[in-house]
Amino acid sequence: MTPEGKVKAKVKKILDELGVYHFSPQSGIYGRSGIADIIGCHSGRFIAIECKAGRGTTTALQDKELEKVRDAGGVALVINENNIEEVAKCLNDC
């Protein structure tokens, strides 16, 4: 498993533990570019989570999509192995 894959797995485990509905959208030719790695819904709130590893940073297109989620009233997070606790914290505060 890649380092980013490990972050995704940890995030999904947290979401499962919190009872959050979530899925990973299709990427590549049949998907939409820039969409977050994990999409979900918690307590009626739309959630988009972009997972990164190490020094990985979001692209301009990912930033644009995450901002659209925030502008629409959803929660948009960028999570890596150093801030993974933000997932539960944010969802518990929502």
PDB file of N, CA and C in Angstrom:
ATOM      1  N   MET A   1       0.855  -1.181   0.000  1.00  0.00           N
ATOM      2  CA  MET A   1       0.000   0.000   0.000  1.00  0.00           C
ATOM      3  C   MET A   1       0.898   1.240   0.000  1.00  0.00           C
ATOM      4  N   THR A   2       0.515   2.232  -0.788  1.00  0.00           N
ATOM      5  CA  THR A   2       1.274   3.479  -0.857  1.00  0.00           C
ATOM      6  C   THR A   2       1.094   4.275   0.439  1.00  0.00           C
ATOM      7  N   PRO A   3       1.982   5.226   0.702  1.00  0.00           N
ATOM      8  CA  PRO A   3       1.800   6.081   1.889  1.00  0.00           C
ATOM      9  C   PRO A   3       0.450   6.815   1.871  1.00  0.00           C
ATOM     10  N   GLU A   4       0.039   7.294   0.694  1.00  0.00           N
ATOM     11  CA  GLU A   4      -1.262   7.958   0.606  1.00  0.00           C
ATOM     12  C   GLU A   4      -2.389   6.957   0.842  1.00  0.00           C
ATOM     13  N   GLY A   5      -2.216   5.750   0.370  1.00  0.00           N
ATOM     14  CA  GLY A   5      -3.208   4.696   0.592  1.00  0.00           C
ATOM     15  C   GLY A   5      -3.383   4.406   2.068  1.00  0.00           C
ATOM     16  N   LYS A   6      -2.287   4.465   2.819  1.00  0.00           N
ATOM     17  CA  LYS A   6      -2.354   4.246   4.266  1.00  0.00           C
ATOM     18  C   LYS A   6      -3.153   5.358   4.944  1.00  0.00           C
ATOM     19  N   VAL A   7      -2.953   6.599   4.485  1.00  0.00           N
ATOM     20  CA  VAL A   7      -3.715   7.725   5.038  1.00  0.00           C
ATOM     21  C   VAL A   7      -5.195   7.532   4.733  1.00  0.00           C
ATOM     22  N   LYS A   8      -5.517   7.166   3.488  1.00  0.00           N
ATOM     23  CA  LYS A   8      -6.911   6.930   3.113  1.00  0.00           C
ATOM     24  C   LYS A   8      -7.537   5.840   3.979  1.00  0.00           C
ATOM     25  N   ALA A   9      -6.812   4.760   4.196  1.00  0.00           N
ATOM     26  CA  ALA A   9      -7.337   3.655   5.007  1.00  0.00           C
ATOM     27  C   ALA A   9      -7.618   4.107   6.434  1.00  0.00           C
ATOM     28  N   LYS A  10      -6.720   4.905   7.017  1.00  0.00           N
ATOM     29  CA  LYS A  10      -6.925   5.402   8.377  1.00  0.00           C
ATOM     30  C   LYS A  10      -8.138   6.334   8.446  1.00  0.00           C
ATOM     31  N   VAL A  11      -8.271   7.201   7.441  1.00  0.00           N
ATOM     32  CA  VAL A  11      -9.419   8.112   7.406  1.00  0.00           C
ATOM     33  C   VAL A  11     -10.711   7.318   7.300  1.00  0.00           C
ATOM     34  N   LYS A  12     -10.751   6.333   6.416  1.00  0.00           N
ATOM     35  CA  LYS A  12     -11.954   5.512   6.250  1.00  0.00           C
ATOM     36  C   LYS A  12     -12.302   4.766   7.535  1.00  0.00           C
ATOM     37  N   LYS A  13     -11.301   4.312   8.256  1.00  0.00           N
ATOM     38  CA  LYS A  13     -11.550   3.623   9.529  1.00  0.00           C
ATOM     39  C   LYS A  13     -12.205   4.578  10.522  1.00  0.00           C
ATOM     40  N   ILE A  14     -11.704   5.801  10.609  1.00  0.00           N
ATOM     41  CA  ILE A  14     -12.292   6.807  11.500  1.00  0.00           C
ATOM     42  C   ILE A  14     -13.734   7.082  11.097  1.00  0.00           C
ATOM     43  N   LEU A  15     -13.965   7.254   9.802  1.00  0.00           N
ATOM     44  CA  LEU A  15     -15.321   7.523   9.322  1.00  0.00           C
ATOM     45  C   LEU A  15     -16.257   6.371   9.650  1.00  0.00           C
ATOM     46  N   ASP A  16     -15.780   5.141   9.469  1.00  0.00           N
ATOM     47  CA  ASP A  16     -16.591   3.967   9.809  1.00  0.00           C
ATOM     48  C   ASP A  16     -16.931   3.951  11.295  1.00  0.00           C
ATOM     49  N   GLU A  17     -15.947   4.239  12.129  1.00  0.00           N
ATOM     50  CA  GLU A  17     -16.156   4.245  13.581  1.00  0.00           C
ATOM     51  C   GLU A  17     -17.181   5.295  13.997  1.00  0.00           C
ATOM     52  N   LEU A  18     -17.227   6.408  13.260  1.00  0.00           N
ATOM     53  CA  LEU A  18     -18.165   7.492  13.577  1.00  0.00           C
ATOM     54  C   LEU A  18     -19.520   7.308  12.885  1.00  0.00           C
ATOM     55  N   GLY A  19     -19.651   6.245  12.095  1.00  0.00           N
ATOM     56  CA  GLY A  19     -20.913   5.993  11.403  1.00  0.00           C
ATOM     57  C   GLY A  19     -21.186   6.948  10.257  1.00  0.00           C
ATOM     58  N   VAL A  20     -20.141   7.442   9.639  1.00  0.00           N
ATOM     59  CA  VAL A  20     -20.267   8.398   8.539  1.00  0.00           C
ATOM     60  C   VAL A  20     -20.473   7.636   7.229  1.00  0.00           C
ATOM     61  N   TYR A  21     -21.473   8.036   6.451  1.00  0.00           N
ATOM     62  CA  TYR A  21     -21.636   7.495   5.104  1.00  0.00           C
ATOM     63  C   TYR A  21     -20.513   8.067   4.254  1.00  0.00           C
ATOM     64  N   HIS A  22     -19.791   7.194   3.535  1.00  0.00           N
ATOM     65  CA  HIS A  22     -18.706   7.694   2.689  1.00  0.00           C
ATOM     66  C   HIS A  22     -18.403   6.737   1.547  1.00  0.00           C
ATOM     67  N   PHE A  23     -17.758   7.283   0.523  1.00  0.00           N
ATOM     68  CA  PHE A  23     -17.300   6.484  -0.612  1.00  0.00           C
ATOM     69  C   PHE A  23     -16.127   7.197  -1.273  1.00  0.00           C
ATOM     70  N   SER A  24     -15.412   6.460  -2.085  1.00  0.00           N
ATOM     71  CA  SER A  24     -14.306   7.022  -2.858  1.00  0.00           C
ATOM     72  C   SER A  24     -14.752   7.110  -4.312  1.00  0.00           C
ATOM     73  N   PRO A  25     -14.835   8.315  -4.862  1.00  0.00           N
ATOM     74  CA  PRO A  25     -15.306   8.460  -6.235  1.00  0.00           C
ATOM     75  C   PRO A  25     -14.329   7.870  -7.252  1.00  0.00           C
ATOM     76  N   GLN A  26     -14.867   7.501  -8.389  1.00  0.00           N
ATOM     77  CA  GLN A  26     -14.081   6.976  -9.495  1.00  0.00           C
ATOM     78  C   GLN A  26     -13.092   8.038  -9.965  1.00  0.00           C
ATOM     79  N   SER A  27     -11.869   7.632 -10.192  1.00  0.00           N
ATOM     80  CA  SER A  27     -10.894   8.564 -10.750  1.00  0.00           C
ATOM     81  C   SER A  27     -10.529   8.101 -12.152  1.00  0.00           C
ATOM     82  N   GLY A  28      -9.746   8.895 -12.827  1.00  0.00           N
ATOM     83  CA  GLY A  28      -9.321   8.523 -14.164  1.00  0.00           C
ATOM     84  C   GLY A  28     -10.302   8.974 -15.229  1.00  0.00           C
ATOM     85  N   ILE A  29     -10.355   8.229 -16.303  1.00  0.00           N
ATOM     86  CA  ILE A  29     -11.127   8.624 -17.483  1.00  0.00           C
ATOM     87  C   ILE A  29     -12.628   8.749 -17.202  1.00  0.00           C
ATOM     88  N   TYR A  30     -13.156   7.961 -16.280  1.00  0.00           N
ATOM     89  CA  TYR A  30     -14.592   7.997 -16.000  1.00  0.00           C
ATOM     90  C   TYR A  30     -14.956   8.894 -14.823  1.00  0.00           C
ATOM     91  N   GLY A  31     -13.977   9.467 -14.178  1.00  0.00           N
ATOM     92  CA  GLY A  31     -14.229  10.331 -13.033  1.00  0.00           C
ATOM     93  C   GLY A  31     -14.062  11.793 -13.392  1.00  0.00           C
ATOM     94  N   ARG A  32     -14.256  12.638 -12.423  1.00  0.00           N
ATOM     95  CA  ARG A  32     -14.099  14.081 -12.601  1.00  0.00           C
ATOM     96  C   ARG A  32     -12.810  14.512 -11.929  1.00  0.00           C
ATOM     97  N   SER A  33     -11.962  15.187 -12.650  1.00  0.00           N
ATOM     98  CA  SER A  33     -10.669  15.616 -12.119  1.00  0.00           C
ATOM     99  C   SER A  33     -10.833  16.610 -10.984  1.00  0.00           C
ATOM    100  N   GLY A  34      -9.980  16.470  -9.970  1.00  0.00           N
ATOM    101  CA  GLY A  34      -9.957  17.410  -8.862  1.00  0.00           C
ATOM    102  C   GLY A  34     -10.856  17.057  -7.698  1.00  0.00           C
ATOM    103  N   ILE A  35     -11.726  16.066  -7.875  1.00  0.00           N
ATOM    104  CA  ILE A  35     -12.647  15.677  -6.803  1.00  0.00           C
ATOM    105  C   ILE A  35     -11.860  15.036  -5.665  1.00  0.00           C
ATOM    106  N   ALA A  36     -12.278  15.290  -4.450  1.00  0.00           N
ATOM    107  CA  ALA A  36     -11.588  14.762  -3.269  1.00  0.00           C
ATOM    108  C   ALA A  36     -11.579  13.234  -3.270  1.00  0.00           C
ATOM    109  N   ASP A  37     -10.638  12.667  -2.527  1.00  0.00           N
ATOM    110  CA  ASP A  37     -10.475  11.214  -2.450  1.00  0.00           C
ATOM    111  C   ASP A  37     -11.645  10.514  -1.780  1.00  0.00           C
ATOM    112  N   ILE A  38     -12.223  11.171  -0.790  1.00  0.00           N
ATOM    113  CA  ILE A  38     -13.327  10.577  -0.029  1.00  0.00           C
ATOM    114  C   ILE A  38     -14.460  11.597   0.059  1.00  0.00           C
ATOM    115  N   ILE A  39     -15.662  11.151  -0.277  1.00  0.00           N
ATOM    116  CA  ILE A  39     -16.859  11.977  -0.203  1.00  0.00           C
ATOM    117  C   ILE A  39     -17.785  11.331   0.828  1.00  0.00           C
ATOM    118  N   GLY A  40     -18.428  12.140   1.642  1.00  0.00           N
ATOM    119  CA  GLY A  40     -19.305  11.563   2.651  1.00  0.00           C
ATOM    120  C   GLY A  40     -20.379  12.522   3.116  1.00  0.00           C
ATOM    121  N   CYS A  41     -21.177  12.010   4.041  1.00  0.00           N
ATOM    122  CA  CYS A  41     -22.229  12.806   4.660  1.00  0.00           C
ATOM    123  C   CYS A  41     -22.302  12.427   6.135  1.00  0.00           C
ATOM    124  N   HIS A  42     -22.303  13.424   6.998  1.00  0.00           N
ATOM    125  CA  HIS A  42     -22.361  13.210   8.445  1.00  0.00           C
ATOM    126  C   HIS A  42     -23.308  14.226   9.049  1.00  0.00           C
ATOM    127  N   SER A  43     -24.327  13.736   9.726  1.00  0.00           N
ATOM    128  CA  SER A  43     -25.324  14.616  10.364  1.00  0.00           C
ATOM    129  C   SER A  43     -25.889  15.624   9.376  1.00  0.00           C
ATOM    130  N   GLY A  44     -26.130  15.169   8.145  1.00  0.00           N
ATOM    131  CA  GLY A  44     -26.709  16.030   7.129  1.00  0.00           C
ATOM    132  C   GLY A  44     -25.735  16.972   6.463  1.00  0.00           C
ATOM    133  N   ARG A  45     -24.461  16.851   6.752  1.00  0.00           N
ATOM    134  CA  ARG A  45     -23.444  17.752   6.198  1.00  0.00           C
ATOM    135  C   ARG A  45     -22.575  17.024   5.186  1.00  0.00           C
ATOM    136  N   PHE A  46     -22.379  17.630   4.040  1.00  0.00           N
ATOM    137  CA  PHE A  46     -21.537  17.089   2.978  1.00  0.00           C
ATOM    138  C   PHE A  46     -20.070  17.223   3.378  1.00  0.00           C
ATOM    139  N   ILE A  47     -19.308  16.161   3.117  1.00  0.00           N
ATOM    140  CA  ILE A  47     -17.892  16.139   3.503  1.00  0.00           C
ATOM    141  C   ILE A  47     -17.046  15.734   2.302  1.00  0.00           C
ATOM    142  N   ALA A  48     -15.957  16.444   2.085  1.00  0.00           N
ATOM    143  CA  ALA A  48     -14.983  16.090   1.054  1.00  0.00           C
ATOM    144  C   ALA A  48     -13.611  16.057   1.730  1.00  0.00           C
ATOM    145  N   ILE A  49     -12.907  14.936   1.583  1.00  0.00           N
ATOM    146  CA  ILE A  49     -11.596  14.784   2.219  1.00  0.00           C
ATOM    147  C   ILE A  49     -10.563  14.418   1.167  1.00  0.00           C
ATOM    148  N   GLU A  50      -9.570  15.259   1.034  1.00  0.00           N
ATOM    149  CA  GLU A  50      -8.432  14.996   0.152  1.00  0.00           C
ATOM    150  C   GLU A  50      -7.311  14.454   1.021  1.00  0.00           C
ATOM    151  N   CYS A  51      -6.795  13.289   0.675  1.00  0.00           N
ATOM    152  CA  CYS A  51      -5.731  12.648   1.457  1.00  0.00           C
ATOM    153  C   CYS A  51      -4.391  12.826   0.760  1.00  0.00           C
ATOM    154  N   LYS A  52      -3.397  13.163   1.537  1.00  0.00           N
ATOM    155  CA  LYS A  52      -2.033  13.338   1.038  1.00  0.00           C
ATOM    156  C   LYS A  52      -1.082  12.631   1.987  1.00  0.00           C
ATOM    157  N   ALA A  53       0.115  12.375   1.500  1.00  0.00           N
ATOM    158  CA  ALA A  53       1.144  11.753   2.337  1.00  0.00           C
ATOM    159  C   ALA A  53       2.432  12.548   2.209  1.00  0.00           C
ATOM    160  N   GLY A  54       3.211  12.518   3.271  1.00  0.00           N
ATOM    161  CA  GLY A  54       4.501  13.197   3.237  1.00  0.00           C
ATOM    162  C   GLY A  54       4.355  14.667   2.925  1.00  0.00           C
ATOM    163  N   ARG A  55       5.108  15.102   1.944  1.00  0.00           N
ATOM    164  CA  ARG A  55       5.069  16.514   1.541  1.00  0.00           C
ATOM    165  C   ARG A  55       4.058  16.778   0.440  1.00  0.00           C
ATOM    166  N   GLY A  56       3.213  15.805   0.162  1.00  0.00           N
ATOM    167  CA  GLY A  56       2.216  15.959  -0.892  1.00  0.00           C
ATOM    168  C   GLY A  56       1.333  17.169  -0.657  1.00  0.00           C
ATOM    169  N   THR A  57       1.080  17.891  -1.700  1.00  0.00           N
ATOM    170  CA  THR A  57       0.229  19.076  -1.611  1.00  0.00           C
ATOM    171  C   THR A  57      -0.890  18.974  -2.642  1.00  0.00           C
ATOM    172  N   THR A  58      -1.933  19.711  -2.412  1.00  0.00           N
ATOM    173  CA  THR A  58      -3.052  19.706  -3.331  1.00  0.00           C
ATOM    174  C   THR A  58      -2.693  20.473  -4.603  1.00  0.00           C
ATOM    175  N   THR A  59      -3.342  20.077  -5.686  1.00  0.00           N
ATOM    176  CA  THR A  59      -3.169  20.791  -6.947  1.00  0.00           C
ATOM    177  C   THR A  59      -4.113  21.990  -6.962  1.00  0.00           C
ATOM    178  N   ALA A  60      -3.909  22.877  -7.908  1.00  0.00           N
ATOM    179  CA  ALA A  60      -4.793  24.037  -8.046  1.00  0.00           C
ATOM    180  C   ALA A  60      -6.228  23.591  -8.301  1.00  0.00           C
ATOM    181  N   LEU A  61      -6.407  22.544  -9.090  1.00  0.00           N
ATOM    182  CA  LEU A  61      -7.745  22.034  -9.381  1.00  0.00           C
ATOM    183  C   LEU A  61      -8.394  21.438  -8.129  1.00  0.00           C
ATOM    184  N   GLN A  62      -7.625  20.709  -7.324  1.00  0.00           N
ATOM    185  CA  GLN A  62      -8.155  20.168  -6.071  1.00  0.00           C
ATOM    186  C   GLN A  62      -8.547  21.300  -5.128  1.00  0.00           C
ATOM    187  N   ASP A  63      -7.705  22.316  -5.027  1.00  0.00           N
ATOM    188  CA  ASP A  63      -8.023  23.477  -4.187  1.00  0.00           C
ATOM    189  C   ASP A  63      -9.330  24.130  -4.629  1.00  0.00           C
ATOM    190  N   LYS A  64      -9.519  24.259  -5.938  1.00  0.00           N
ATOM    191  CA  LYS A  64     -10.732  24.873  -6.475  1.00  0.00           C
ATOM    192  C   LYS A  64     -11.962  24.050  -6.096  1.00  0.00           C
ATOM    193  N   GLU A  65     -11.876  22.737  -6.232  1.00  0.00           N
ATOM    194  CA  GLU A  65     -13.000  21.865  -5.894  1.00  0.00           C
ATOM    195  C   GLU A  65     -13.305  21.898  -4.399  1.00  0.00           C
ATOM    196  N   LEU A  66     -12.267  21.889  -3.557  1.00  0.00           N
ATOM    197  CA  LEU A  66     -12.478  21.960  -2.105  1.00  0.00           C
ATOM    198  C   LEU A  66     -13.125  23.292  -1.719  1.00  0.00           C
ATOM    199  N   GLU A  67     -12.722  24.356  -2.378  1.00  0.00           N
ATOM    200  CA  GLU A  67     -13.315  25.667  -2.101  1.00  0.00           C
ATOM    201  C   GLU A  67     -14.792  25.699  -2.502  1.00  0.00           C
ATOM    202  N   LYS A  68     -15.135  25.035  -3.600  1.00  0.00           N
ATOM    203  CA  LYS A  68     -16.547  24.948  -4.009  1.00  0.00           C
ATOM    204  C   LYS A  68     -17.380  24.245  -2.942  1.00  0.00           C
ATOM    205  N   VAL A  69     -16.821  23.203  -2.347  1.00  0.00           N
ATOM    206  CA  VAL A  69     -17.520  22.485  -1.276  1.00  0.00           C
ATOM    207  C   VAL A  69     -17.755  23.431  -0.094  1.00  0.00           C
ATOM    208  N   ARG A  70     -16.714  24.143   0.305  1.00  0.00           N
ATOM    209  CA  ARG A  70     -16.845  25.085   1.430  1.00  0.00           C
ATOM    210  C   ARG A  70     -17.865  26.172   1.117  1.00  0.00           C
ATOM    211  N   ASP A  71     -17.809  26.704  -0.105  1.00  0.00           N
ATOM    212  CA  ASP A  71     -18.742  27.761  -0.498  1.00  0.00           C
ATOM    213  C   ASP A  71     -20.189  27.282  -0.473  1.00  0.00           C
ATOM    214  N   ALA A  72     -20.393  25.988  -0.700  1.00  0.00           N
ATOM    215  CA  ALA A  72     -21.741  25.416  -0.692  1.00  0.00           C
ATOM    216  C   ALA A  72     -22.188  25.005   0.708  1.00  0.00           C
ATOM    217  N   GLY A  73     -21.339  25.246   1.722  1.00  0.00           N
ATOM    218  CA  GLY A  73     -21.706  24.924   3.098  1.00  0.00           C
ATOM    219  C   GLY A  73     -21.221  23.576   3.587  1.00  0.00           C
ATOM    220  N   GLY A  74     -20.431  22.883   2.775  1.00  0.00           N
ATOM    221  CA  GLY A  74     -19.899  21.586   3.171  1.00  0.00           C
ATOM    222  C   GLY A  74     -18.585  21.707   3.923  1.00  0.00           C
ATOM    223  N   VAL A  75     -18.101  20.574   4.366  1.00  0.00           N
ATOM    224  CA  VAL A  75     -16.823  20.485   5.065  1.00  0.00           C
ATOM    225  C   VAL A  75     -15.802  19.931   4.077  1.00  0.00           C
ATOM    226  N   ALA A  76     -14.682  20.623   3.922  1.00  0.00           N
ATOM    227  CA  ALA A  76     -13.621  20.181   3.025  1.00  0.00           C
ATOM    228  C   ALA A  76     -12.311  20.153   3.802  1.00  0.00           C
ATOM    229  N   LEU A  77     -11.679  18.978   3.845  1.00  0.00           N
ATOM    230  CA  LEU A  77     -10.450  18.795   4.607  1.00  0.00           C
ATOM    231  C   LEU A  77      -9.332  18.260   3.727  1.00  0.00           C
ATOM    232  N   VAL A  78      -8.113  18.659   4.047  1.00  0.00           N
ATOM    233  CA  VAL A  78      -6.924  18.046   3.465  1.00  0.00           C
ATOM    234  C   VAL A  78      -6.222  17.363   4.626  1.00  0.00           C
ATOM    235  N   ILE A  79      -6.107  16.043   4.524  1.00  0.00           N
ATOM    236  CA  ILE A  79      -5.600  15.244   5.635  1.00  0.00           C
ATOM    237  C   ILE A  79      -4.341  14.500   5.212  1.00  0.00           C
ATOM    238  N   ASN A  80      -3.353  14.502   6.106  1.00  0.00           N
ATOM    239  CA  ASN A  80      -2.144  13.690   5.913  1.00  0.00           C
ATOM    240  C   ASN A  80      -1.844  12.977   7.221  1.00  0.00           C
ATOM    241  N   GLU A  81      -0.741  12.250   7.260  1.00  0.00           N
ATOM    242  CA  GLU A  81      -0.441  11.469   8.459  1.00  0.00           C
ATOM    243  C   GLU A  81      -0.157  12.332   9.680  1.00  0.00           C
ATOM    244  N   ASN A  82       0.086  13.624   9.484  1.00  0.00           N
ATOM    245  CA  ASN A  82       0.388  14.517  10.601  1.00  0.00           C
ATOM    246  C   ASN A  82      -0.834  15.198  11.205  1.00  0.00           C
ATOM    247  N   ASN A  83      -1.971  15.176  10.505  1.00  0.00           N
ATOM    248  CA  ASN A  83      -3.158  15.848  11.040  1.00  0.00           C
ATOM    249  C   ASN A  83      -4.401  14.961  10.978  1.00  0.00           C
ATOM    250  N   ILE A  84      -4.210  13.669  10.962  1.00  0.00           N
ATOM    251  CA  ILE A  84      -5.328  12.736  10.797  1.00  0.00           C
ATOM    252  C   ILE A  84      -6.373  12.864  11.915  1.00  0.00           C
ATOM    253  N   GLU A  85      -5.957  13.325  13.088  1.00  0.00           N
ATOM    254  CA  GLU A  85      -6.904  13.498  14.197  1.00  0.00           C
ATOM    255  C   GLU A  85      -7.928  14.591  13.892  1.00  0.00           C
ATOM    256  N   GLU A  86      -7.659  15.440  12.900  1.00  0.00           N
ATOM    257  CA  GLU A  86      -8.589  16.510  12.525  1.00  0.00           C
ATOM    258  C   GLU A  86      -9.902  15.962  11.964  1.00  0.00           C
ATOM    259  N   VAL A  87      -9.872  14.753  11.414  1.00  0.00           N
ATOM    260  CA  VAL A  87     -11.081  14.162  10.868  1.00  0.00           C
ATOM    261  C   VAL A  87     -12.135  14.021  11.965  1.00  0.00           C
ATOM    262  N   ALA A  88     -11.798  13.295  13.021  1.00  0.00           N
ATOM    263  CA  ALA A  88     -12.746  13.087  14.112  1.00  0.00           C
ATOM    264  C   ALA A  88     -13.089  14.398  14.808  1.00  0.00           C
ATOM    265  N   LYS A  89     -12.092  15.233  15.027  1.00  0.00           N
ATOM    266  CA  LYS A  89     -12.330  16.519  15.704  1.00  0.00           C
ATOM    267  C   LYS A  89     -13.330  17.363  14.930  1.00  0.00           C
ATOM    268  N   CYS A  90     -13.108  17.477  13.639  1.00  0.00           N
ATOM    269  CA  CYS A  90     -13.999  18.284  12.810  1.00  0.00           C
ATOM    270  C   CYS A  90     -15.419  17.715  12.779  1.00  0.00           C
ATOM    271  N   LEU A  91     -15.511  16.401  12.608  1.00  0.00           N
ATOM    272  CA  LEU A  91     -16.854  15.798  12.528  1.00  0.00           C
ATOM    273  C   LEU A  91     -17.579  15.838  13.856  1.00  0.00           C
ATOM    274  N   ASN A  92     -16.871  15.767  14.960  1.00  0.00           N
ATOM    275  CA  ASN A  92     -17.516  15.878  16.256  1.00  0.00           C
ATOM    276  C   ASN A  92     -17.969  17.302  16.545  1.00  0.00           C
ATOM    277  N   ASP A  93     -17.285  18.291  15.934  1.00  0.00           N
ATOM    278  CA  ASP A  93     -17.633  19.691  16.131  1.00  0.00           C
ATOM    279  C   ASP A  93     -18.707  20.172  15.166  1.00  0.00           C
ATOM    280  N   CYS A  94     -18.976  19.414  14.104  1.00  0.00           N
ATOM    281  CA  CYS A  94     -19.960  19.837  13.093  1.00  0.00           C
ATOM    282  C   CYS A  94     -21.366  19.711  13.622  1.00  0.00           C
TER     283      CYS A  94
END
